[in-house]
Amino acid sequence: MRFRLLAIVASACLALASAAHAQGKIQLQWFAQSAFKLTTPGGKVVMIDPWLTGNPKCPPEWKDLDKLGKVDAILVTHGHGDHLGDSIALAKKNEAPVWGPAGMDQFLATLGFLPPKLAPRFGKGGTIEPVPGLKVTAVHAEHSSEMILKDPATGKATSYPAGEPVGYILQFDNGFTIYHMGDTALFGDMKFYGEKYKPDLLLIPIGGHYVMNPADAAFATKEWIKPKMVLPMHYGTNPFLKGTPAEFKTALGQTSIKVLDDWQPGQVKEF
């Protein structure tokens, strides 16, 4: 009788734990540009395009990488310095793999910047599960991808190919979906991604010059992707990125899509 009672109690505890996990929230902390800290409902931490120490819009307290705590995995959309950012340092500090374009990771491993186990390769159309409860699919982005690193032999800053740029579709076990676009211009398959993945939250670049300007970003958001919520990102960190959230919101016009233009760098939002 006693063992049966213990079994019933254990079963009830497991059910409660499962329910608590199901009700868990996704936490997303933005550091300006395209840099995010994502915490899953299960407590795993994934950094996305972690440009922190050199980011002029990142709050000073978050330029100390130790304050991020334990990082379980890193996603990088392409090799440019404002996206690769502090990935190498974070990977070594946490023994966390840097998932990114195959060509980028190939060079990082071949040149010795990361051991192969921390530079796993995958490409567009591939889906990985970097942490439990999260599936990530690499999709197209219309941009370029190079990285400037110190040549191990000469010590000089050298430009290396870094594969093809990507965006990421992040799908959580609780059904929530995020589309992080990386850096991109307009391209027609954005409509397909909207129809196929139906993102709840869109993270879209608006700065112009290197990426979409606010008008193009608004068109992609409203006419093609149609998310429930959108965060305009990748603006204001250098003189070329002149687009603003206000311009994006004006271009978007009347819509049911919620614009998260009150989201400040360093702030955490839950979904």
C-alpha atoms as a PDB file:
ATOM      1  CA  MET A   1       0.000   0.000   0.000  1.00  0.00           C
ATOM      2  CA  ARG A   2       2.827   2.329   0.934  1.00  0.00           C
ATOM      3  CA  PHE A   3       4.641   1.742  -2.361  1.00  0.00           C
ATOM      4  CA  ARG A   4       1.431   2.289  -4.286  1.00  0.00           C
ATOM      5  CA  LEU A   5       0.904   5.604  -2.504  1.00  0.00           C
ATOM      6  CA  LEU A   6       4.481   6.645  -3.293  1.00  0.00           C
ATOM      7  CA  ALA A   7       3.920   5.758  -6.941  1.00  0.00           C
ATOM      8  CA  ILE A   8       0.764   7.862  -7.052  1.00  0.00           C
ATOM      9  CA  VAL A   9       2.574  10.823  -5.441  1.00  0.00           C
ATOM     10  CA  ALA A  10       5.495  10.468  -7.856  1.00  0.00           C
ATOM     11  CA  SER A  11       3.134  10.331 -10.799  1.00  0.00           C
ATOM     12  CA  ALA A  12       1.337  13.448  -9.574  1.00  0.00           C
ATOM     13  CA  CYS A  13       4.655  15.276  -9.165  1.00  0.00           C
ATOM     14  CA  LEU A  14       5.694  14.356 -12.703  1.00  0.00           C
ATOM     15  CA  ALA A  15       2.355  15.585 -14.037  1.00  0.00           C
ATOM     16  CA  LEU A  16       2.741  18.891 -12.181  1.00  0.00           C
ATOM     17  CA  ALA A  17       6.306  19.309 -13.438  1.00  0.00           C
ATOM     18  CA  SER A  18       5.172  18.597 -16.988  1.00  0.00           C
ATOM     19  CA  ALA A  19       2.359  21.139 -16.678  1.00  0.00           C
ATOM     20  CA  ALA A  20       4.757  23.751 -15.274  1.00  0.00           C
ATOM     21  CA  HIS A  21       7.146  23.165 -18.171  1.00  0.00           C
ATOM     22  CA  ALA A  22       4.301  23.454 -20.694  1.00  0.00           C
ATOM     23  CA  GLN A  23       3.359  26.805 -19.191  1.00  0.00           C
ATOM     24  CA  GLY A  24       6.969  28.037 -19.292  1.00  0.00           C
ATOM     25  CA  LYS A  25       7.779  31.231 -21.111  1.00  0.00           C
ATOM     26  CA  ILE A  26      10.270  31.973 -23.847  1.00  0.00           C
ATOM     27  CA  GLN A  27      12.534  34.834 -22.776  1.00  0.00           C
ATOM     28  CA  LEU A  28      14.202  37.021 -25.379  1.00  0.00           C
ATOM     29  CA  GLN A  29      16.704  39.718 -24.477  1.00  0.00           C
ATOM     30  CA  TRP A  30      17.721  42.154 -27.206  1.00  0.00           C
ATOM     31  CA  PHE A  31      21.123  43.873 -27.203  1.00  0.00           C
ATOM     32  CA  ALA A  32      20.534  46.117 -30.295  1.00  0.00           C
ATOM     33  CA  GLN A  33      21.522  45.326 -33.885  1.00  0.00           C
ATOM     34  CA  SER A  34      20.686  41.605 -34.392  1.00  0.00           C
ATOM     35  CA  ALA A  35      22.011  40.298 -31.064  1.00  0.00           C
ATOM     36  CA  PHE A  36      19.754  38.313 -28.750  1.00  0.00           C
ATOM     37  CA  LYS A  37      19.889  36.048 -25.735  1.00  0.00           C
ATOM     38  CA  LEU A  38      17.147  33.434 -25.983  1.00  0.00           C
ATOM     39  CA  THR A  39      16.137  31.373 -22.965  1.00  0.00           C
ATOM     40  CA  THR A  40      13.876  28.412 -23.693  1.00  0.00           C
ATOM     41  CA  PRO A  41      11.007  27.306 -21.424  1.00  0.00           C
ATOM     42  CA  GLY A  42      13.354  24.525 -20.290  1.00  0.00           C
ATOM     43  CA  GLY A  43      16.016  27.035 -19.220  1.00  0.00           C
ATOM     44  CA  LYS A  44      18.533  26.518 -22.046  1.00  0.00           C
ATOM     45  CA  VAL A  45      20.309  29.626 -23.370  1.00  0.00           C
ATOM     46  CA  VAL A  46      21.004  30.312 -27.042  1.00  0.00           C
ATOM     47  CA  MET A  47      22.833  33.443 -28.205  1.00  0.00           C
ATOM     48  CA  ILE A  48      21.988  34.776 -31.663  1.00  0.00           C
ATOM     49  CA  ASP A  49      24.437  37.046 -33.562  1.00  0.00           C
ATOM     50  CA  PRO A  50      26.113  37.993 -30.258  1.00  0.00           C
ATOM     51  CA  TRP A  51      27.787  41.302 -31.090  1.00  0.00           C
ATOM     52  CA  LEU A  52      28.096  42.809 -27.605  1.00  0.00           C
ATOM     53  CA  THR A  53      31.534  44.158 -26.667  1.00  0.00           C
ATOM     54  CA  GLY A  54      31.902  46.242 -29.837  1.00  0.00           C
ATOM     55  CA  ASN A  55      28.239  47.199 -30.151  1.00  0.00           C
ATOM     56  CA  PRO A  56      27.709  50.927 -29.472  1.00  0.00           C
ATOM     57  CA  LYS A  57      24.016  50.403 -28.664  1.00  0.00           C
ATOM     58  CA  CYS A  58      24.532  47.474 -26.295  1.00  0.00           C
ATOM     59  CA  PRO A  59      24.147  48.602 -22.647  1.00  0.00           C
ATOM     60  CA  PRO A  60      27.584  48.762 -20.956  1.00  0.00           C
ATOM     61  CA  GLU A  61      26.713  46.216 -18.266  1.00  0.00           C
ATOM     62  CA  TRP A  62      26.159  43.550 -20.940  1.00  0.00           C
ATOM     63  CA  LYS A  63      29.574  44.034 -22.513  1.00  0.00           C
ATOM     64  CA  ASP A  64      30.880  41.819 -19.671  1.00  0.00           C
ATOM     65  CA  LEU A  65      30.302  38.406 -21.234  1.00  0.00           C
ATOM     66  CA  ASP A  66      30.391  36.683 -17.834  1.00  0.00           C
ATOM     67  CA  LYS A  67      27.107  38.393 -16.958  1.00  0.00           C
ATOM     68  CA  LEU A  68      25.315  36.375 -19.611  1.00  0.00           C
ATOM     69  CA  GLY A  69      25.668  33.261 -17.469  1.00  0.00           C
ATOM     70  CA  LYS A  70      25.886  29.797 -18.993  1.00  0.00           C
ATOM     71  CA  VAL A  71      25.420  29.726 -22.766  1.00  0.00           C
ATOM     72  CA  ASP A  72      24.403  26.388 -24.290  1.00  0.00           C
ATOM     73  CA  ALA A  73      24.561  27.191 -28.020  1.00  0.00           C
ATOM     74  CA  ILE A  74      25.246  30.055 -30.428  1.00  0.00           C
ATOM     75  CA  LEU A  75      23.560  30.857 -33.751  1.00  0.00           C
ATOM     76  CA  VAL A  76      25.281  33.140 -36.273  1.00  0.00           C
ATOM     77  CA  THR A  77      23.560  34.281 -39.470  1.00  0.00           C
ATOM     78  CA  HIS A  78      26.746  35.285 -41.347  1.00  0.00           C
ATOM     79  CA  GLY A  79      30.377  36.234 -40.890  1.00  0.00           C
ATOM     80  CA  HIS A  80      30.261  40.045 -40.663  1.00  0.00           C
ATOM     81  CA  GLY A  81      31.740  41.420 -37.466  1.00  0.00           C
ATOM     82  CA  ASP A  82      28.464  42.843 -36.189  1.00  0.00           C
ATOM     83  CA  HIS A  83      26.969  39.327 -36.269  1.00  0.00           C
ATOM     84  CA  LEU A  84      29.845  36.917 -35.622  1.00  0.00           C
ATOM     85  CA  GLY A  85      30.769  39.381 -32.884  1.00  0.00           C
ATOM     86  CA  ASP A  86      31.781  37.671 -29.642  1.00  0.00           C
ATOM     87  CA  SER A  87      30.864  34.173 -30.815  1.00  0.00           C
ATOM     88  CA  ILE A  88      34.385  32.771 -30.633  1.00  0.00           C
ATOM     89  CA  ALA A  89      34.965  34.062 -27.100  1.00  0.00           C
ATOM     90  CA  LEU A  90      31.557  32.830 -25.903  1.00  0.00           C
ATOM     91  CA  ALA A  91      32.071  29.420 -27.504  1.00  0.00           C
ATOM     92  CA  LYS A  92      35.405  28.904 -25.762  1.00  0.00           C
ATOM     93  CA  LYS A  93      34.135  30.280 -22.452  1.00  0.00           C
ATOM     94  CA  ASN A  94      31.095  27.985 -22.382  1.00  0.00           C
ATOM     95  CA  GLU A  95      32.144  25.037 -24.571  1.00  0.00           C
ATOM     96  CA  ALA A  96      29.105  26.028 -26.643  1.00  0.00           C
ATOM     97  CA  PRO A  97      28.926  25.183 -30.355  1.00  0.00           C
ATOM     98  CA  VAL A  98      28.680  27.992 -32.904  1.00  0.00           C
ATOM     99  CA  TRP A  99      26.045  26.973 -35.444  1.00  0.00           C
ATOM    100  CA  GLY A 100      26.289  28.963 -38.659  1.00  0.00           C
ATOM    101  CA  PRO A 101      26.791  28.835 -42.433  1.00  0.00           C
ATOM    102  CA  ALA A 102      28.864  25.791 -43.362  1.00  0.00           C
ATOM    103  CA  GLY A 103      31.574  27.828 -45.101  1.00  0.00           C
ATOM    104  CA  MET A 104      31.985  30.121 -42.104  1.00  0.00           C
ATOM    105  CA  ASP A 105      32.379  27.282 -39.624  1.00  0.00           C
ATOM    106  CA  GLN A 106      34.721  25.441 -41.994  1.00  0.00           C
ATOM    107  CA  PHE A 107      37.143  28.380 -41.956  1.00  0.00           C
ATOM    108  CA  LEU A 108      36.817  28.886 -38.189  1.00  0.00           C
ATOM    109  CA  ALA A 109      37.847  25.260 -37.643  1.00  0.00           C
ATOM    110  CA  THR A 110      40.463  25.010 -40.411  1.00  0.00           C
ATOM    111  CA  LEU A 111      42.241  28.177 -39.273  1.00  0.00           C
ATOM    112  CA  GLY A 112      42.165  27.040 -35.656  1.00  0.00           C
ATOM    113  CA  PHE A 113      39.905  29.738 -34.236  1.00  0.00           C
ATOM    114  CA  LEU A 114      37.582  27.028 -32.898  1.00  0.00           C
ATOM    115  CA  PRO A 115      37.980  23.276 -32.478  1.00  0.00           C
ATOM    116  CA  PRO A 116      35.812  21.301 -34.936  1.00  0.00           C
ATOM    117  CA  LYS A 117      33.405  20.206 -32.180  1.00  0.00           C
ATOM    118  CA  LEU A 118      32.545  23.867 -31.535  1.00  0.00           C
ATOM    119  CA  ALA A 119      32.128  24.704 -35.238  1.00  0.00           C
ATOM    120  CA  PRO A 120      29.450  22.297 -36.510  1.00  0.00           C
ATOM    121  CA  ARG A 121      28.352  22.897 -40.098  1.00  0.00           C
ATOM    122  CA  PHE A 122      24.872  23.056 -41.575  1.00  0.00           C
ATOM    123  CA  GLY A 123      23.206  24.856 -44.456  1.00  0.00           C
ATOM    124  CA  LYS A 124      20.033  26.302 -45.914  1.00  0.00           C
ATOM    125  CA  GLY A 125      17.115  23.927 -45.584  1.00  0.00           C
ATOM    126  CA  GLY A 126      18.835  22.056 -42.767  1.00  0.00           C
ATOM    127  CA  THR A 127      17.139  21.751 -39.381  1.00  0.00           C
ATOM    128  CA  ILE A 128      18.974  21.242 -36.105  1.00  0.00           C
ATOM    129  CA  GLU A 129      17.986  20.959 -32.452  1.00  0.00           C
ATOM    130  CA  PRO A 130      20.757  22.947 -30.722  1.00  0.00           C
ATOM    131  CA  VAL A 131      19.045  22.559 -27.337  1.00  0.00           C
ATOM    132  CA  PRO A 132      16.082  20.417 -26.241  1.00  0.00           C
ATOM    133  CA  GLY A 133      12.708  21.861 -27.171  1.00  0.00           C
ATOM    134  CA  LEU A 134      13.963  24.099 -29.995  1.00  0.00           C
ATOM    135  CA  LYS A 135      14.261  23.319 -33.698  1.00  0.00           C
ATOM    136  CA  VAL A 136      16.160  25.743 -35.939  1.00  0.00           C
ATOM    137  CA  THR A 137      15.921  25.778 -39.720  1.00  0.00           C
ATOM    138  CA  ALA A 138      18.373  27.789 -41.842  1.00  0.00           C
ATOM    139  CA  VAL A 139      16.673  29.727 -44.641  1.00  0.00           C
ATOM    140  CA  HIS A 140      17.788  32.095 -47.377  1.00  0.00           C
ATOM    141  CA  ALA A 141      18.970  35.665 -46.783  1.00  0.00           C
ATOM    142  CA  GLU A 142      19.901  38.063 -49.598  1.00  0.00           C
ATOM    143  CA  HIS A 143      23.218  39.471 -48.398  1.00  0.00           C
ATOM    144  CA  SER A 144      26.946  38.615 -48.342  1.00  0.00           C
ATOM    145  CA  SER A 145      29.136  36.844 -45.796  1.00  0.00           C
ATOM    146  CA  GLU A 146      32.795  37.502 -45.140  1.00  0.00           C
ATOM    147  CA  MET A 147      34.724  37.679 -41.881  1.00  0.00           C
ATOM    148  CA  ILE A 148      37.788  39.627 -40.891  1.00  0.00           C
ATOM    149  CA  LEU A 149      40.045  37.744 -38.495  1.00  0.00           C
ATOM    150  CA  LYS A 150      43.682  37.951 -37.479  1.00  0.00           C
ATOM    151  CA  ASP A 151      45.720  35.642 -39.717  1.00  0.00           C
ATOM    152  CA  PRO A 152      47.314  33.037 -37.410  1.00  0.00           C
ATOM    153  CA  ALA A 153      50.500  33.056 -39.484  1.00  0.00           C
ATOM    154  CA  THR A 154      51.052  36.803 -40.012  1.00  0.00           C
ATOM    155  CA  GLY A 155      49.032  38.376 -37.211  1.00  0.00           C
ATOM    156  CA  LYS A 156      47.417  40.716 -39.744  1.00  0.00           C
ATOM    157  CA  ALA A 157      43.684  41.334 -40.127  1.00  0.00           C
ATOM    158  CA  THR A 158      42.595  39.191 -43.072  1.00  0.00           C
ATOM    159  CA  SER A 159      39.285  38.765 -44.872  1.00  0.00           C
ATOM    160  CA  TYR A 160      38.021  35.202 -45.282  1.00  0.00           C
ATOM    161  CA  PRO A 161      34.985  33.766 -47.101  1.00  0.00           C
ATOM    162  CA  ALA A 162      32.238  32.849 -44.640  1.00  0.00           C
ATOM    163  CA  GLY A 163      29.738  30.791 -46.585  1.00  0.00           C
ATOM    164  CA  GLU A 164      26.303  32.043 -47.590  1.00  0.00           C
ATOM    165  CA  PRO A 165      24.243  34.234 -45.233  1.00  0.00           C
ATOM    166  CA  VAL A 166      21.127  32.755 -43.670  1.00  0.00           C
ATOM    167  CA  GLY A 167      18.083  33.606 -41.613  1.00  0.00           C
ATOM    168  CA  TYR A 168      16.699  31.285 -38.944  1.00  0.00           C
ATOM    169  CA  ILE A 169      13.245  29.855 -38.280  1.00  0.00           C
ATOM    170  CA  LEU A 170      13.094  28.976 -34.576  1.00  0.00           C
ATOM    171  CA  GLN A 171      10.280  26.589 -33.643  1.00  0.00           C
ATOM    172  CA  PHE A 172       9.594  25.776 -29.995  1.00  0.00           C
ATOM    173  CA  ASP A 173       7.860  22.706 -28.640  1.00  0.00           C
ATOM    174  CA  ASN A 174       5.113  24.938 -27.234  1.00  0.00           C
ATOM    175  CA  GLY A 175       4.195  25.995 -30.795  1.00  0.00           C
ATOM    176  CA  PHE A 176       5.737  29.496 -30.774  1.00  0.00           C
ATOM    177  CA  THR A 177       7.766  30.414 -33.876  1.00  0.00           C
ATOM    178  CA  ILE A 178      10.344  33.191 -34.382  1.00  0.00           C
ATOM    179  CA  TYR A 179      11.803  34.236 -37.728  1.00  0.00           C
ATOM    180  CA  HIS A 180      15.201  35.941 -37.273  1.00  0.00           C
ATOM    181  CA  MET A 181      15.991  37.311 -40.727  1.00  0.00           C
ATOM    182  CA  GLY A 182      19.673  38.102 -40.217  1.00  0.00           C
ATOM    183  CA  ASP A 183      20.766  40.717 -42.753  1.00  0.00           C
ATOM    184  CA  THR A 184      18.792  40.718 -45.970  1.00  0.00           C
ATOM    185  CA  ALA A 185      17.294  42.602 -48.889  1.00  0.00           C
ATOM    186  CA  LEU A 186      13.834  41.809 -50.225  1.00  0.00           C
ATOM    187  CA  PHE A 187      13.405  38.442 -51.959  1.00  0.00           C
ATOM    188  CA  GLY A 188      10.223  36.682 -53.027  1.00  0.00           C
ATOM    189  CA  ASP A 189      10.600  33.555 -50.877  1.00  0.00           C
ATOM    190  CA  MET A 190       9.860  35.656 -47.799  1.00  0.00           C
ATOM    191  CA  LYS A 191       6.215  35.142 -48.770  1.00  0.00           C
ATOM    192  CA  PHE A 192       6.748  31.384 -48.850  1.00  0.00           C
ATOM    193  CA  TYR A 193       8.389  31.440 -45.409  1.00  0.00           C
ATOM    194  CA  GLY A 194       5.440  33.388 -44.044  1.00  0.00           C
ATOM    195  CA  GLU A 195       2.955  30.894 -45.472  1.00  0.00           C
ATOM    196  CA  LYS A 196       4.910  27.789 -44.433  1.00  0.00           C
ATOM    197  CA  TYR A 197       6.117  28.740 -40.955  1.00  0.00           C
ATOM    198  CA  LYS A 198       3.516  31.368 -39.891  1.00  0.00           C
ATOM    199  CA  PRO A 199       5.890  33.151 -37.470  1.00  0.00           C
ATOM    200  CA  ASP A 200       4.487  34.588 -34.274  1.00  0.00           C
ATOM    201  CA  LEU A 201       7.429  36.988 -33.956  1.00  0.00           C
ATOM    202  CA  LEU A 202       9.459  38.507 -36.793  1.00  0.00           C
ATOM    203  CA  LEU A 203      12.891  40.073 -36.184  1.00  0.00           C
ATOM    204  CA  ILE A 204      13.510  42.218 -39.272  1.00  0.00           C
ATOM    205  CA  PRO A 205      16.382  44.547 -40.298  1.00  0.00           C
ATOM    206  CA  ILE A 206      15.323  48.087 -41.253  1.00  0.00           C
ATOM    207  CA  GLY A 207      18.506  50.203 -41.347  1.00  0.00           C
ATOM    208  CA  GLY A 208      18.913  50.456 -45.129  1.00  0.00           C
ATOM    209  CA  HIS A 209      22.167  50.672 -47.142  1.00  0.00           C
ATOM    210  CA  TYR A 210      23.311  47.101 -46.317  1.00  0.00           C
ATOM    211  CA  VAL A 211      19.831  45.722 -45.606  1.00  0.00           C
ATOM    212  CA  MET A 212      16.182  46.597 -46.225  1.00  0.00           C
ATOM    213  CA  ASN A 213      15.103  50.147 -45.534  1.00  0.00           C
ATOM    214  CA  PRO A 214      11.953  50.759 -43.436  1.00  0.00           C
ATOM    215  CA  ALA A 215       9.639  50.856 -46.474  1.00  0.00           C
ATOM    216  CA  ASP A 216      10.910  47.547 -47.897  1.00  0.00           C
ATOM    217  CA  ALA A 217      10.840  45.949 -44.450  1.00  0.00           C
ATOM    218  CA  ALA A 218       7.264  47.140 -43.907  1.00  0.00           C
ATOM    219  CA  PHE A 219       6.213  45.700 -47.278  1.00  0.00           C
ATOM    220  CA  ALA A 220       7.767  42.319 -46.469  1.00  0.00           C
ATOM    221  CA  THR A 221       6.129  42.307 -43.042  1.00  0.00           C
ATOM    222  CA  LYS A 222       2.615  43.302 -44.071  1.00  0.00           C
ATOM    223  CA  GLU A 223       2.259  41.784 -47.536  1.00  0.00           C
ATOM    224  CA  TRP A 224       4.389  38.640 -47.389  1.00  0.00           C
ATOM    225  CA  ILE A 225       5.325  37.357 -43.935  1.00  0.00           C
ATOM    226  CA  LYS A 226       2.315  38.523 -41.870  1.00  0.00           C
ATOM    227  CA  PRO A 227       3.554  37.735 -38.352  1.00  0.00           C
ATOM    228  CA  LYS A 228       1.586  38.454 -35.201  1.00  0.00           C
ATOM    229  CA  MET A 229       4.397  40.653 -33.829  1.00  0.00           C
ATOM    230  CA  VAL A 230       7.461  42.348 -35.303  1.00  0.00           C
ATOM    231  CA  LEU A 231      10.631  43.896 -33.886  1.00  0.00           C
ATOM    232  CA  PRO A 232      12.463  46.294 -36.229  1.00  0.00           C
ATOM    233  CA  MET A 233      16.208  45.763 -35.682  1.00  0.00           C
ATOM    234  CA  HIS A 234      19.646  46.409 -37.217  1.00  0.00           C
ATOM    235  CA  TYR A 235      19.570  50.204 -37.303  1.00  0.00           C
ATOM    236  CA  GLY A 236      21.366  53.165 -35.747  1.00  0.00           C
ATOM    237  CA  THR A 237      24.686  51.469 -34.940  1.00  0.00           C
ATOM    238  CA  ASN A 238      26.611  53.233 -37.717  1.00  0.00           C
ATOM    239  CA  PRO A 239      25.931  56.291 -39.910  1.00  0.00           C
ATOM    240  CA  PHE A 240      24.806  54.167 -42.875  1.00  0.00           C
ATOM    241  CA  LEU A 241      21.969  52.464 -41.007  1.00  0.00           C
ATOM    242  CA  LYS A 242      19.615  55.449 -41.047  1.00  0.00           C
ATOM    243  CA  GLY A 243      16.243  53.686 -40.984  1.00  0.00           C
ATOM    244  CA  THR A 244      14.187  54.130 -37.803  1.00  0.00           C
ATOM    245  CA  PRO A 245      11.350  52.238 -36.091  1.00  0.00           C
ATOM    246  CA  ALA A 246       9.139  55.320 -36.521  1.00  0.00           C
ATOM    247  CA  GLU A 247       9.649  55.210 -40.302  1.00  0.00           C
ATOM    248  CA  PHE A 248       8.966  51.481 -40.303  1.00  0.00           C
ATOM    249  CA  LYS A 249       5.749  51.908 -38.324  1.00  0.00           C
ATOM    250  CA  THR A 250       4.566  54.712 -40.622  1.00  0.00           C
ATOM    251  CA  ALA A 251       5.284  52.615 -43.711  1.00  0.00           C
ATOM    252  CA  LEU A 252       3.437  49.676 -42.162  1.00  0.00           C
ATOM    253  CA  GLY A 253       0.263  51.743 -41.791  1.00  0.00           C
ATOM    254  CA  GLN A 254      -2.956  50.309 -40.395  1.00  0.00           C
ATOM    255  CA  THR A 255      -2.466  46.656 -39.465  1.00  0.00           C
ATOM    256  CA  SER A 256      -3.210  44.104 -36.767  1.00  0.00           C
ATOM    257  CA  ILE A 257       0.504  43.260 -36.565  1.00  0.00           C
ATOM    258  CA  LYS A 258       1.910  44.451 -33.237  1.00  0.00           C
ATOM    259  CA  VAL A 259       5.098  46.515 -33.611  1.00  0.00           C
ATOM    260  CA  LEU A 260       7.401  46.097 -30.600  1.00  0.00           C
ATOM    261  CA  ASP A 261       8.913  49.563 -31.014  1.00  0.00           C
ATOM    262  CA  ASP A 262       9.077  50.044 -27.223  1.00  0.00           C
ATOM    263  CA  TRP A 263      11.685  47.267 -26.888  1.00  0.00           C
ATOM    264  CA  GLN A 264      14.911  48.832 -25.643  1.00  0.00           C
ATOM    265  CA  PRO A 265      18.405  47.259 -25.822  1.00  0.00           C
ATOM    266  CA  GLY A 266      19.041  45.170 -22.733  1.00  0.00           C
ATOM    267  CA  GLN A 267      15.336  44.630 -22.062  1.00  0.00           C
ATOM    268  CA  VAL A 268      13.848  41.139 -21.712  1.00  0.00           C
ATOM    269  CA  LYS A 269      10.439  40.217 -23.128  1.00  0.00           C
ATOM    270  CA  GLU A 270       8.516  37.001 -22.508  1.00  0.00           C
ATOM    271  CA  PHE A 271       6.383  35.123 -25.009  1.00  0.00           C
END
